[in-house]
Amino acid sequence: MKKLMLSAMGAVALVLASCGEAGRTQEAPGPRPDFPEELQGQRFELRLKGVNNPGYASALVQVRRISVTTMEGYSLPTRLKSRQSMDLTNPEQAYLIGRFVVPEGVDRVKVEVEFDDFGGYEDAASGGVIDTRVAPLRFESPVAYLAERGHAVVHLDLGQSLRAQGEARLLLPSLDVRY
């Protein structure tokens, strides 16, 4: 019985060792590009940062969709990058929410960020939901400004944007865009 048990354990050890060896010899796939290489145009990032925190311990939101269009309304290629909740009370973090490509000849774009229906907040006295259904973030941007650093960072003013409605907060975006 001991020989059978030892033989079985030896076989399992060999199988596991060979699986581990195969994993080490195979090349790990590199990061997948957001857009095909043949897609022409300038590539930019869109980031979100909470500013002017009036004392929230946390203010969590999640992005559902980003949209970038030309002034004429033509949709541009976008990739949503953040599917996780973002704590906008972190003053050191400008969250990457998406990337987009602007073709040559486009001077100005319209950007829209739509949040999931609800987020959450916590302050010293209580906590509750943030109703983010009221209005998306919207702004227009000159492509020349985006090209300076390759990104736009939306500074969402928490003091002005989160309005009390009972225990809940409404997100009425007050923002500034930095390049």
Protein backbone atom coordinates (compact mmCIF):
# COMPACT_ATOMS: atom_id res chain seq x y z
CA MET A 1 0.00 0.00 0.00
CA LYS A 2 2.84 2.38 0.85
CA LYS A 3 4.50 1.65 -2.53
CA LEU A 4 1.24 2.45 -4.36
CA MET A 5 0.86 5.72 -2.41
CA LEU A 6 4.49 6.70 -3.05
CA SER A 7 4.15 5.87 -6.75
CA ALA A 8 0.98 7.98 -7.03
CA MET A 9 2.60 10.92 -5.23
CA GLY A 10 5.67 10.62 -7.46
CA ALA A 11 3.50 10.67 -10.59
CA VAL A 12 1.61 13.73 -9.36
CA ALA A 13 4.91 15.49 -8.59
CA LEU A 14 6.19 14.76 -12.11
CA VAL A 15 3.00 16.03 -13.72
CA LEU A 16 3.07 19.23 -11.65
CA ALA A 17 6.75 19.76 -12.37
CA SER A 18 6.22 19.37 -16.11
CA CYS A 19 3.27 21.81 -16.00
CA GLY A 20 5.38 24.34 -14.17
CA GLU A 21 8.24 23.86 -16.61
CA ALA A 22 5.95 24.40 -19.60
CA GLY A 23 4.67 27.62 -18.06
CA ARG A 24 8.21 28.91 -17.69
CA THR A 25 9.31 28.10 -21.22
CA GLN A 26 6.31 29.64 -22.95
CA GLU A 27 6.55 33.33 -23.67
CA ALA A 28 4.11 35.44 -21.74
CA PRO A 29 1.86 37.47 -24.01
CA GLY A 30 2.71 41.15 -24.04
CA PRO A 31 0.23 43.90 -23.35
CA ARG A 32 -2.50 44.06 -25.94
CA PRO A 33 -2.57 47.34 -27.81
CA ASP A 34 -5.69 49.44 -27.32
CA PHE A 35 -5.98 50.15 -31.03
CA PRO A 36 -4.65 48.44 -34.16
CA GLU A 37 -1.27 49.81 -35.25
CA GLU A 38 -2.67 50.70 -38.67
CA LEU A 39 -5.24 53.06 -37.13
CA GLN A 40 -4.07 56.54 -38.12
CA GLY A 41 -4.19 59.51 -35.78
CA GLN A 42 -2.96 60.92 -32.50
CA ARG A 43 -3.53 58.80 -29.37
CA PHE A 44 -4.61 60.41 -26.12
CA GLU A 45 -5.52 59.44 -22.56
CA LEU A 46 -8.43 60.67 -20.48
CA ARG A 47 -7.99 60.77 -16.69
CA LEU A 48 -10.23 61.68 -13.74
CA LYS A 49 -9.16 63.24 -10.45
CA GLY A 50 -11.22 64.45 -7.50
CA VAL A 51 -10.25 67.87 -6.11
CA ASN A 52 -11.51 70.27 -3.41
CA ASN A 53 -12.60 67.52 -1.03
CA PRO A 54 -14.75 69.11 1.72
CA GLY A 55 -14.12 66.21 4.11
CA TYR A 56 -15.31 63.00 2.50
CA ALA A 57 -13.46 59.89 3.66
CA SER A 58 -14.40 58.24 0.36
CA ALA A 59 -16.34 59.08 -2.79
CA LEU A 60 -16.57 56.08 -5.08
CA VAL A 61 -17.75 56.22 -8.68
CA GLN A 62 -17.47 53.91 -11.65
CA VAL A 63 -17.38 54.88 -15.32
CA ARG A 64 -19.81 53.13 -17.66
CA ARG A 65 -18.89 54.72 -20.99
CA ILE A 66 -16.74 57.33 -22.64
CA SER A 67 -17.50 58.98 -25.94
CA VAL A 68 -15.30 61.25 -28.03
CA THR A 69 -16.71 62.87 -31.16
CA THR A 70 -15.74 65.52 -33.65
CA MET A 71 -17.59 68.83 -33.51
CA GLU A 72 -19.70 67.53 -36.40
CA GLY A 73 -20.75 64.51 -34.30
CA TYR A 74 -18.60 61.76 -35.85
CA SER A 75 -17.60 59.14 -33.25
CA LEU A 76 -13.89 58.59 -32.73
CA PRO A 77 -12.30 55.31 -31.60
CA THR A 78 -12.30 55.03 -27.79
CA ARG A 79 -11.37 52.37 -25.24
CA LEU A 80 -12.75 52.38 -21.72
CA LYS A 81 -9.86 51.42 -19.42
CA SER A 82 -11.34 51.66 -15.92
CA ARG A 83 -14.03 49.22 -14.96
CA GLN A 84 -13.21 49.49 -11.25
CA SER A 85 -14.55 51.92 -8.66
CA MET A 86 -12.44 55.03 -8.29
CA ASP A 87 -12.07 56.80 -4.96
CA LEU A 88 -12.09 60.47 -5.89
CA THR A 89 -10.91 61.51 -2.41
CA ASN A 90 -7.37 60.29 -3.17
CA PRO A 91 -5.55 63.57 -3.94
CA GLU A 92 -2.56 61.79 -5.50
CA GLN A 93 -4.48 59.75 -8.07
CA ALA A 94 -5.63 60.78 -11.53
CA TYR A 95 -7.39 57.60 -12.68
CA LEU A 96 -6.97 56.45 -16.27
CA ILE A 97 -10.51 56.07 -17.55
CA GLY A 98 -9.93 55.72 -21.27
CA ARG A 99 -7.95 56.25 -24.42
CA PHE A 100 -8.98 57.65 -27.78
CA VAL A 101 -7.62 58.37 -31.25
CA VAL A 102 -8.09 61.62 -33.13
CA PRO A 103 -7.46 61.55 -36.90
CA GLU A 104 -5.40 64.19 -38.65
CA GLY A 105 -7.34 67.30 -39.61
CA VAL A 106 -9.58 67.35 -36.52
CA ASP A 107 -9.00 70.55 -34.51
CA ARG A 108 -11.46 70.11 -31.64
CA VAL A 109 -13.32 67.22 -29.98
CA LYS A 110 -16.28 66.73 -27.64
CA VAL A 111 -15.76 64.38 -24.71
CA GLU A 112 -18.46 62.75 -22.61
CA VAL A 113 -18.01 60.47 -19.59
CA GLU A 114 -21.05 58.58 -18.33
CA PHE A 115 -20.99 57.01 -14.86
CA ASP A 116 -22.76 53.90 -13.60
CA ASP A 117 -26.09 54.70 -11.96
CA PHE A 118 -24.84 54.92 -8.38
CA GLY A 119 -21.64 55.35 -6.43
CA GLY A 120 -21.07 55.67 -2.72
CA TYR A 121 -19.66 58.11 -0.22
CA GLU A 122 -18.58 58.21 3.38
CA ASP A 123 -17.91 61.22 5.56
CA ALA A 124 -17.29 61.69 9.30
CA ALA A 125 -21.01 61.56 10.16
CA SER A 126 -22.51 59.03 7.75
CA GLY A 127 -22.40 57.39 4.37
CA GLY A 128 -24.72 56.72 1.51
CA VAL A 129 -25.18 56.58 -2.24
CA ILE A 130 -24.08 59.01 -4.90
CA ASP A 131 -26.69 59.30 -7.65
CA THR A 132 -24.61 59.71 -10.80
CA ARG A 133 -27.56 59.50 -13.23
CA VAL A 134 -28.19 63.25 -13.25
CA ALA A 135 -25.61 64.40 -15.80
CA PRO A 136 -22.49 63.02 -17.48
CA LEU A 137 -19.20 64.90 -17.55
CA ARG A 138 -18.99 66.90 -20.78
CA PHE A 139 -16.38 69.21 -22.22
CA GLU A 140 -14.86 70.31 -25.51
CA SER A 141 -11.14 70.23 -26.09
CA PRO A 142 -8.79 71.69 -28.66
CA VAL A 143 -6.63 68.88 -30.05
CA ALA A 144 -3.59 71.18 -29.80
CA TYR A 145 -4.01 71.25 -25.99
CA LEU A 146 -4.27 67.45 -25.86
CA ALA A 147 -1.15 67.10 -28.00
CA GLU A 148 1.00 69.05 -25.51
CA ARG A 149 1.16 66.17 -23.00
CA GLY A 150 -0.93 63.45 -24.64
CA HIS A 151 -3.77 63.56 -22.15
CA ALA A 152 -6.58 65.47 -20.51
CA VAL A 153 -7.14 65.26 -16.75
CA VAL A 154 -10.66 66.12 -15.60
CA HIS A 155 -10.54 67.72 -12.14
CA LEU A 156 -13.94 67.02 -10.60
CA ASP A 157 -14.64 69.51 -7.78
CA LEU A 158 -16.11 67.34 -4.99
CA GLY A 159 -17.18 70.34 -2.92
CA GLN A 160 -19.27 71.76 -5.75
CA SER A 161 -20.30 68.53 -7.51
CA LEU A 162 -21.75 66.42 -4.70
CA ARG A 163 -25.06 67.96 -3.60
CA ALA A 164 -26.89 66.64 -0.54
CA GLN A 165 -30.35 65.17 -1.07
CA GLY A 166 -31.27 63.62 2.27
CA GLU A 167 -28.71 60.90 3.02
CA ALA A 168 -27.82 60.62 -0.68
CA ARG A 169 -25.64 62.87 -2.83
CA LEU A 170 -26.37 63.96 -6.39
CA LEU A 171 -23.43 64.27 -8.76
CA LEU A 172 -23.85 67.58 -10.59
CA PRO A 173 -20.46 67.87 -12.28
CA SER A 174 -18.40 70.98 -11.68
CA LEU A 175 -15.12 70.41 -13.44
CA ASP A 176 -11.93 71.87 -14.80
CA VAL A 177 -9.88 70.20 -17.54
CA ARG A 178 -6.09 70.21 -17.33
CA TYR A 179 -3.73 69.22 -20.11
